[in-house]
Amino acid sequence: MISTSSIMKDELEESIEDIVRILKGLANEKRFRILILLLNGQKSFNFLLKEVELQKTALSNHIKHLQQAKLIDKPEYNRYEITPDGREYLRAFNNTWNNSYLFQRKKLQKAQSKGMSEIFLDNFLNR
């Protein structure tokens, strides 16, 4: 019987070049931000330029990386949209992040910090 890990290993090794190209497309804060902006629909180059706060050539380079990774399309002149795969990768990252140990720990620390702040303020104000 073939294990699930063995199947996953084979599938990942078979697709390693494509997967790495996608990961490189996502492994930049500005490119990731562009994808997030495109979640709400098509955006113009000028809109992205303003929102991502880049020079024209830098934005063009980031867009090129995203297009090569098949994460965004250019359906018409000066307009960009996220591809179904791009949307699915963001959904998968979001779900994985929300279920991750690191996120849960940060969430707990934030709640504890907030709770401690409230207790501190209560004690301070009720003196």
C-alpha atoms as a PDB file:
ATOM      1  CA  MET A   1       0.000   0.000   0.000  1.00  0.00           C
ATOM      2  CA  ILE A   2       1.345   3.425  -0.996  1.00  0.00           C
ATOM      3  CA  SER A   3       1.278   6.045   1.757  1.00  0.00           C
ATOM      4  CA  THR A   4      -0.307   9.473   1.383  1.00  0.00           C
ATOM      5  CA  SER A   5       3.087  11.044   2.130  1.00  0.00           C
ATOM      6  CA  SER A   6       4.690   9.071  -0.661  1.00  0.00           C
ATOM      7  CA  ILE A   7       2.025  10.181  -3.153  1.00  0.00           C
ATOM      8  CA  MET A   8       2.365  13.795  -2.038  1.00  0.00           C
ATOM      9  CA  LYS A   9       6.155  13.602  -2.331  1.00  0.00           C
ATOM     10  CA  ASP A  10       5.905  12.249  -5.882  1.00  0.00           C
ATOM     11  CA  GLU A  11       3.350  14.880  -6.921  1.00  0.00           C
ATOM     12  CA  LEU A  12       5.414  17.724  -5.443  1.00  0.00           C
ATOM     13  CA  GLU A  13       8.633  16.517  -7.056  1.00  0.00           C
ATOM     14  CA  GLU A  14       6.893  16.193 -10.412  1.00  0.00           C
ATOM     15  CA  SER A  15       5.678  19.816 -10.206  1.00  0.00           C
ATOM     16  CA  ILE A  16       8.600  21.419  -8.405  1.00  0.00           C
ATOM     17  CA  GLU A  17       9.486  23.969 -11.119  1.00  0.00           C
ATOM     18  CA  ASP A  18       5.912  25.217 -11.454  1.00  0.00           C
ATOM     19  CA  ILE A  19       5.396  25.364  -7.705  1.00  0.00           C
ATOM     20  CA  VAL A  20       8.645  27.273  -7.119  1.00  0.00           C
ATOM     21  CA  ARG A  21       7.689  29.784  -9.850  1.00  0.00           C
ATOM     22  CA  ILE A  22       4.375  30.386  -8.052  1.00  0.00           C
ATOM     23  CA  LEU A  23       6.053  30.665  -4.656  1.00  0.00           C
ATOM     24  CA  LYS A  24       8.554  33.176  -6.064  1.00  0.00           C
ATOM     25  CA  GLY A  25       5.605  35.157  -7.384  1.00  0.00           C
ATOM     26  CA  LEU A  26       4.082  35.223  -3.925  1.00  0.00           C
ATOM     27  CA  ALA A  27       7.295  35.633  -1.930  1.00  0.00           C
ATOM     28  CA  ASN A  28       7.364  39.408  -2.095  1.00  0.00           C
ATOM     29  CA  GLU A  29       5.326  41.771   0.046  1.00  0.00           C
ATOM     30  CA  LYS A  30       4.481  44.127  -2.836  1.00  0.00           C
ATOM     31  CA  ARG A  31       3.357  41.302  -5.125  1.00  0.00           C
ATOM     32  CA  PHE A  32       1.318  39.758  -2.334  1.00  0.00           C
ATOM     33  CA  ARG A  33      -0.309  43.162  -1.728  1.00  0.00           C
ATOM     34  CA  ILE A  34      -1.138  43.463  -5.450  1.00  0.00           C
ATOM     35  CA  LEU A  35      -2.902  40.099  -5.329  1.00  0.00           C
ATOM     36  CA  ILE A  36      -4.876  41.145  -2.262  1.00  0.00           C
ATOM     37  CA  LEU A  37      -5.943  44.365  -3.997  1.00  0.00           C
ATOM     38  CA  LEU A  38      -7.148  42.358  -6.989  1.00  0.00           C
ATOM     39  CA  LEU A  39      -9.404  40.171  -4.837  1.00  0.00           C
ATOM     40  CA  ASN A  40     -12.144  42.798  -5.176  1.00  0.00           C
ATOM     41  CA  GLY A  41     -12.019  42.844  -8.972  1.00  0.00           C
ATOM     42  CA  GLN A  42     -10.056  44.362 -11.825  1.00  0.00           C
ATOM     43  CA  LYS A  43      -7.799  47.294 -11.088  1.00  0.00           C
ATOM     44  CA  SER A  44      -5.956  49.736 -13.322  1.00  0.00           C
ATOM     45  CA  PHE A  45      -2.191  50.105 -13.421  1.00  0.00           C
ATOM     46  CA  ASN A  46      -2.536  53.628 -11.976  1.00  0.00           C
ATOM     47  CA  PHE A  47      -4.687  52.386  -9.092  1.00  0.00           C
ATOM     48  CA  LEU A  48      -2.097  49.728  -8.246  1.00  0.00           C
ATOM     49  CA  LEU A  49       0.693  52.280  -8.615  1.00  0.00           C
ATOM     50  CA  LYS A  50      -0.935  54.524  -6.021  1.00  0.00           C
ATOM     51  CA  GLU A  51      -1.987  51.783  -3.603  1.00  0.00           C
ATOM     52  CA  VAL A  52       1.245  49.784  -3.617  1.00  0.00           C
ATOM     53  CA  GLU A  53       3.415  52.935  -3.604  1.00  0.00           C
ATOM     54  CA  LEU A  54       5.952  51.918  -6.230  1.00  0.00           C
ATOM     55  CA  GLN A  55       7.633  53.539  -9.196  1.00  0.00           C
ATOM     56  CA  LYS A  56       6.212  52.596 -12.612  1.00  0.00           C
ATOM     57  CA  THR A  57       9.114  50.333 -13.562  1.00  0.00           C
ATOM     58  CA  ALA A  58       9.051  48.521 -10.223  1.00  0.00           C
ATOM     59  CA  LEU A  59       5.304  47.921 -10.485  1.00  0.00           C
ATOM     60  CA  SER A  60       5.723  46.711 -14.075  1.00  0.00           C
ATOM     61  CA  ASN A  61       8.361  44.220 -12.909  1.00  0.00           C
ATOM     62  CA  HIS A  62       6.144  42.916 -10.109  1.00  0.00           C
ATOM     63  CA  ILE A  63       3.205  42.573 -12.492  1.00  0.00           C
ATOM     64  CA  LYS A  64       5.442  40.676 -14.915  1.00  0.00           C
ATOM     65  CA  HIS A  65       6.404  38.198 -12.146  1.00  0.00           C
ATOM     66  CA  LEU A  66       2.750  37.692 -11.229  1.00  0.00           C
ATOM     67  CA  GLN A  67       1.763  37.156 -14.852  1.00  0.00           C
ATOM     68  CA  GLN A  68       4.598  34.652 -15.402  1.00  0.00           C
ATOM     69  CA  ALA A  69       3.407  32.741 -12.333  1.00  0.00           C
ATOM     70  CA  LYS A  70      -0.134  32.800 -13.828  1.00  0.00           C
ATOM     71  CA  LEU A  71      -1.433  34.582 -10.719  1.00  0.00           C
ATOM     72  CA  ILE A  72      -2.826  37.605 -12.579  1.00  0.00           C
ATOM     73  CA  ASP A  73      -4.126  38.328 -16.078  1.00  0.00           C
ATOM     74  CA  LYS A  74      -4.442  41.462 -18.152  1.00  0.00           C
ATOM     75  CA  PRO A  75      -7.943  41.110 -19.675  1.00  0.00           C
ATOM     76  CA  GLU A  76      -7.846  44.544 -21.275  1.00  0.00           C
ATOM     77  CA  TYR A  77      -5.471  47.445 -21.744  1.00  0.00           C
ATOM     78  CA  ASN A  78      -4.192  48.853 -18.446  1.00  0.00           C
ATOM     79  CA  ARG A  79      -6.424  46.516 -16.353  1.00  0.00           C
ATOM     80  CA  TYR A  80      -5.381  43.554 -14.243  1.00  0.00           C
ATOM     81  CA  GLU A  81      -7.274  40.810 -12.461  1.00  0.00           C
ATOM     82  CA  ILE A  82      -6.397  37.883 -10.257  1.00  0.00           C
ATOM     83  CA  THR A  83      -6.645  34.459 -11.892  1.00  0.00           C
ATOM     84  CA  PRO A  84      -8.765  31.676 -10.393  1.00  0.00           C
ATOM     85  CA  ASP A  85      -5.519  29.973  -9.334  1.00  0.00           C
ATOM     86  CA  GLY A  86      -4.242  33.203  -7.761  1.00  0.00           C
ATOM     87  CA  ARG A  87      -7.482  33.520  -5.804  1.00  0.00           C
ATOM     88  CA  GLU A  88      -7.279  29.881  -4.713  1.00  0.00           C
ATOM     89  CA  TYR A  89      -3.669  30.241  -3.536  1.00  0.00           C
ATOM     90  CA  LEU A  90      -4.628  33.270  -1.438  1.00  0.00           C
ATOM     91  CA  ARG A  91      -7.589  31.354  -0.009  1.00  0.00           C
ATOM     92  CA  ALA A  92      -5.316  28.413   0.838  1.00  0.00           C
ATOM     93  CA  PHE A  93      -2.720  30.687   2.471  1.00  0.00           C
ATOM     94  CA  ASN A  94      -5.422  32.463   4.445  1.00  0.00           C
ATOM     95  CA  ASN A  95      -6.915  29.191   5.679  1.00  0.00           C
ATOM     96  CA  THR A  96      -3.528  27.731   6.504  1.00  0.00           C
ATOM     97  CA  TRP A  97      -2.466  30.893   8.321  1.00  0.00           C
ATOM     98  CA  ASN A  98      -5.690  31.075  10.346  1.00  0.00           C
ATOM     99  CA  ASN A  99      -5.230  27.449  11.425  1.00  0.00           C
ATOM    100  CA  SER A 100      -1.506  27.709  12.099  1.00  0.00           C
ATOM    101  CA  TYR A 101       0.068  27.395  15.504  1.00  0.00           C
ATOM    102  CA  LEU A 102       1.890  30.723  15.012  1.00  0.00           C
ATOM    103  CA  PHE A 103      -1.332  32.627  14.283  1.00  0.00           C
ATOM    104  CA  GLN A 104      -3.156  30.998  17.199  1.00  0.00           C
ATOM    105  CA  ARG A 105      -0.270  31.914  19.513  1.00  0.00           C
ATOM    106  CA  LYS A 106      -0.254  35.535  18.285  1.00  0.00           C
ATOM    107  CA  LYS A 107      -4.019  35.713  18.698  1.00  0.00           C
ATOM    108  CA  LEU A 108      -3.762  34.402  22.264  1.00  0.00           C
ATOM    109  CA  GLN A 109      -0.931  36.821  23.105  1.00  0.00           C
ATOM    110  CA  LYS A 110      -2.962  39.722  21.748  1.00  0.00           C
ATOM    111  CA  ALA A 111      -5.995  38.695  23.793  1.00  0.00           C
ATOM    112  CA  GLN A 112      -3.868  38.255  26.896  1.00  0.00           C
ATOM    113  CA  SER A 113      -2.194  41.594  26.324  1.00  0.00           C
ATOM    114  CA  LYS A 114      -5.552  43.283  25.872  1.00  0.00           C
ATOM    115  CA  GLY A 115      -6.898  41.574  28.973  1.00  0.00           C
ATOM    116  CA  MET A 116      -3.868  42.645  30.986  1.00  0.00           C
ATOM    117  CA  SER A 117      -4.283  46.189  29.725  1.00  0.00           C
ATOM    118  CA  GLU A 118      -7.916  46.222  30.793  1.00  0.00           C
ATOM    119  CA  ILE A 119      -7.056  44.826  34.230  1.00  0.00           C
ATOM    120  CA  PHE A 120      -4.253  47.389  34.585  1.00  0.00           C
ATOM    121  CA  LEU A 121      -6.583  50.249  33.609  1.00  0.00           C
ATOM    122  CA  ASP A 122      -9.305  48.980  35.946  1.00  0.00           C
ATOM    123  CA  ASN A 123      -6.848  48.812  38.840  1.00  0.00           C
ATOM    124  CA  PHE A 124      -5.331  52.182  37.976  1.00  0.00           C
ATOM    125  CA  LEU A 125      -8.673  53.999  37.573  1.00  0.00           C
ATOM    126  CA  ASN A 126     -10.312  52.418  40.642  1.00  0.00           C
ATOM    127  CA  ARG A 127      -7.629  53.466  43.120  1.00  0.00           C
END
